[in-house]
Amino acid sequence: MFGQKLKELRSSRNQTQQRLADYLGISRAAYSHFENSRNDPDRETIVKLADYFDVSTDYLLGRGNREYENPESKSQTVAAHIDEDVSEEEMEDILNYIEFIKQKHKKE
């Protein structure tokens, strides 16, 4: 089950085994053994893979839904759009809009 999930995720994202092996700091052959269910990764490696694919560890282990919301991931995405080119006025608008959205959802 785990190996099949890895293959599906890797293929759906057009990644190579070598790229994943490099990310994990292991050989391509060692990564291939995970996909072919010859070896099981340790807990740390499972967590790294879940982070890489932005899925839960439960999903990788065949125990849950693929959907996974990493709150840090979303906040990092927002932060990535705010750089030093954002003026004080624009920053104030962004913060006001965030507050507006939060209030809107509280009412619903």
C-alpha atoms as a PDB file:
ATOM      1  CA  MET A   1       0.000   0.000   0.000  1.00  0.00           C
ATOM      2  CA  PHE A   2       2.732   2.485   0.999  1.00  0.00           C
ATOM      3  CA  GLY A   3       4.787   1.803  -2.123  1.00  0.00           C
ATOM      4  CA  GLN A   4       1.764   2.168  -4.358  1.00  0.00           C
ATOM      5  CA  LYS A   5       0.915   5.536  -2.784  1.00  0.00           C
ATOM      6  CA  LEU A   6       4.478   6.741  -3.345  1.00  0.00           C
ATOM      7  CA  LYS A   7       4.393   5.714  -7.002  1.00  0.00           C
ATOM      8  CA  GLU A   8       1.049   7.459  -7.536  1.00  0.00           C
ATOM      9  CA  LEU A   9       2.180  10.657  -5.869  1.00  0.00           C
ATOM     10  CA  ARG A  10       5.531  10.723  -7.645  1.00  0.00           C
ATOM     11  CA  SER A  11       3.961  10.053 -11.036  1.00  0.00           C
ATOM     12  CA  SER A  12       1.178  12.589 -10.545  1.00  0.00           C
ATOM     13  CA  ARG A  13       3.786  15.268  -9.832  1.00  0.00           C
ATOM     14  CA  ASN A  14       6.135  14.220 -12.648  1.00  0.00           C
ATOM     15  CA  GLN A  15       8.988  13.549 -10.243  1.00  0.00           C
ATOM     16  CA  THR A  16      11.793  11.070 -10.746  1.00  0.00           C
ATOM     17  CA  GLN A  17      12.933   8.492  -8.260  1.00  0.00           C
ATOM     18  CA  GLN A  18      16.334  10.184  -8.311  1.00  0.00           C
ATOM     19  CA  ARG A  19      14.852  13.546  -7.329  1.00  0.00           C
ATOM     20  CA  LEU A  20      13.046  11.978  -4.363  1.00  0.00           C
ATOM     21  CA  ALA A  21      16.143  10.019  -3.382  1.00  0.00           C
ATOM     22  CA  ASP A  22      18.213  13.207  -3.459  1.00  0.00           C
ATOM     23  CA  TYR A  23      15.601  14.991  -1.326  1.00  0.00           C
ATOM     24  CA  LEU A  24      15.730  12.167   1.228  1.00  0.00           C
ATOM     25  CA  GLY A  25      19.511  11.842   1.094  1.00  0.00           C
ATOM     26  CA  ILE A  26      19.425   8.203   0.000  1.00  0.00           C
ATOM     27  CA  SER A  27      20.304   6.283  -3.152  1.00  0.00           C
ATOM     28  CA  ARG A  28      17.844   5.890  -5.988  1.00  0.00           C
ATOM     29  CA  ALA A  29      17.898   2.135  -5.404  1.00  0.00           C
ATOM     30  CA  ALA A  30      16.948   2.613  -1.749  1.00  0.00           C
ATOM     31  CA  TYR A  31      14.043   4.834  -2.792  1.00  0.00           C
ATOM     32  CA  SER A  32      12.995   2.274  -5.395  1.00  0.00           C
ATOM     33  CA  HIS A  33      12.823  -0.341  -2.644  1.00  0.00           C
ATOM     34  CA  PHE A  34      10.222   1.828  -0.858  1.00  0.00           C
ATOM     35  CA  GLU A  35       8.066   2.052  -3.988  1.00  0.00           C
ATOM     36  CA  ASN A  36       8.356  -1.688  -4.611  1.00  0.00           C
ATOM     37  CA  SER A  37       7.600  -2.533  -0.964  1.00  0.00           C
ATOM     38  CA  ARG A  38      10.927  -4.280  -0.488  1.00  0.00           C
ATOM     39  CA  ASN A  39      11.889  -2.016   2.422  1.00  0.00           C
ATOM     40  CA  ASP A  40       9.905   0.190   4.769  1.00  0.00           C
ATOM     41  CA  PRO A  41      11.136   3.712   5.495  1.00  0.00           C
ATOM     42  CA  ASP A  42      11.688   4.869   9.046  1.00  0.00           C
ATOM     43  CA  ARG A  43       9.324   7.343  10.708  1.00  0.00           C
ATOM     44  CA  GLU A  44      11.484  10.359   9.866  1.00  0.00           C
ATOM     45  CA  THR A  45      11.499   9.431   6.173  1.00  0.00           C
ATOM     46  CA  ILE A  46       7.726   8.957   6.140  1.00  0.00           C
ATOM     47  CA  VAL A  47       7.299  12.425   7.620  1.00  0.00           C
ATOM     48  CA  LYS A  48       9.684  13.921   5.029  1.00  0.00           C
ATOM     49  CA  LEU A  49       7.746  12.259   2.212  1.00  0.00           C
ATOM     50  CA  ALA A  50       4.423  13.477   3.592  1.00  0.00           C
ATOM     51  CA  ASP A  51       5.810  17.013   3.765  1.00  0.00           C
ATOM     52  CA  TYR A  52       7.234  16.766   0.245  1.00  0.00           C
ATOM     53  CA  PHE A  53       3.924  15.633  -1.236  1.00  0.00           C
ATOM     54  CA  ASP A  54       1.829  17.780   1.134  1.00  0.00           C
ATOM     55  CA  VAL A  55      -0.235  14.815   2.318  1.00  0.00           C
ATOM     56  CA  SER A  56      -0.746  13.298   5.744  1.00  0.00           C
ATOM     57  CA  THR A  57       1.364  10.436   6.996  1.00  0.00           C
ATOM     58  CA  ASP A  58      -1.905   8.548   7.457  1.00  0.00           C
ATOM     59  CA  TYR A  59      -2.584   8.903   3.737  1.00  0.00           C
ATOM     60  CA  LEU A  60       0.849   7.504   2.870  1.00  0.00           C
ATOM     61  CA  LEU A  61       0.206   4.585   5.187  1.00  0.00           C
ATOM     62  CA  GLY A  62      -3.206   3.890   3.623  1.00  0.00           C
ATOM     63  CA  ARG A  63      -5.221   5.092   6.612  1.00  0.00           C
ATOM     64  CA  GLY A  64      -6.850   8.264   5.454  1.00  0.00           C
ATOM     65  CA  ASN A  65      -7.873  10.875   3.006  1.00  0.00           C
ATOM     66  CA  ARG A  66      -5.324  12.450   0.693  1.00  0.00           C
ATOM     67  CA  GLU A  67      -6.442  15.910   1.739  1.00  0.00           C
ATOM     68  CA  TYR A  68      -4.153  17.474   4.271  1.00  0.00           C
ATOM     69  CA  GLU A  69      -3.941  21.054   5.323  1.00  0.00           C
ATOM     70  CA  ASN A  70      -0.624  22.122   6.659  1.00  0.00           C
ATOM     71  CA  PRO A  71      -1.288  25.473   8.330  1.00  0.00           C
ATOM     72  CA  GLU A  72       2.369  26.434   8.019  1.00  0.00           C
ATOM     73  CA  SER A  73       2.224  25.759   4.298  1.00  0.00           C
ATOM     74  CA  LYS A  74      -0.652  28.208   3.810  1.00  0.00           C
ATOM     75  CA  SER A  75       0.909  30.931   5.917  1.00  0.00           C
ATOM     76  CA  GLN A  76       4.195  30.465   4.073  1.00  0.00           C
ATOM     77  CA  THR A  77       2.345  30.833   0.775  1.00  0.00           C
ATOM     78  CA  VAL A  78       0.800  34.089   1.938  1.00  0.00           C
ATOM     79  CA  ALA A  79       4.126  35.325   3.300  1.00  0.00           C
ATOM     80  CA  ALA A  80       5.850  34.475   0.016  1.00  0.00           C
ATOM     81  CA  HIS A  81       3.632  37.015  -1.743  1.00  0.00           C
ATOM     82  CA  ILE A  82       4.643  39.781   0.640  1.00  0.00           C
ATOM     83  CA  ASP A  83       8.119  41.081   0.003  1.00  0.00           C
ATOM     84  CA  GLU A  84      10.042  44.279   0.601  1.00  0.00           C
ATOM     85  CA  ASP A  85       8.324  45.875  -2.398  1.00  0.00           C
ATOM     86  CA  VAL A  86       5.064  46.039  -0.416  1.00  0.00           C
ATOM     87  CA  SER A  87       4.511  49.549   0.860  1.00  0.00           C
ATOM     88  CA  GLU A  88       3.231  50.355   4.355  1.00  0.00           C
ATOM     89  CA  GLU A  89      -0.116  51.323   2.836  1.00  0.00           C
ATOM     90  CA  GLU A  90      -0.355  48.042   0.909  1.00  0.00           C
ATOM     91  CA  MET A  91       0.582  46.096   4.049  1.00  0.00           C
ATOM     92  CA  GLU A  92      -2.191  47.877   5.963  1.00  0.00           C
ATOM     93  CA  ASP A  93      -4.655  46.936   3.188  1.00  0.00           C
ATOM     94  CA  ILE A  94      -3.528  43.302   3.333  1.00  0.00           C
ATOM     95  CA  LEU A  95      -3.952  43.139   7.090  1.00  0.00           C
ATOM     96  CA  ASN A  96      -7.349  44.832   6.886  1.00  0.00           C
ATOM     97  CA  TYR A  97      -8.481  42.364   4.250  1.00  0.00           C
ATOM     98  CA  ILE A  98      -7.345  39.426   6.362  1.00  0.00           C
ATOM     99  CA  GLU A  99      -9.325  40.776   9.294  1.00  0.00           C
ATOM    100  CA  PHE A 100     -12.356  41.310   7.025  1.00  0.00           C
ATOM    101  CA  ILE A 101     -12.243  37.687   5.837  1.00  0.00           C
ATOM    102  CA  LYS A 102     -11.891  36.400   9.399  1.00  0.00           C
ATOM    103  CA  GLN A 103     -14.899  38.419  10.534  1.00  0.00           C
ATOM    104  CA  LYS A 104     -16.929  37.343   7.507  1.00  0.00           C
ATOM    105  CA  HIS A 105     -16.359  33.670   8.315  1.00  0.00           C
ATOM    106  CA  LYS A 106     -17.194  34.139  11.978  1.00  0.00           C
ATOM    107  CA  LYS A 107     -20.661  35.362  10.959  1.00  0.00           C
ATOM    108  CA  GLU A 108     -21.349  32.370   8.710  1.00  0.00           C
END
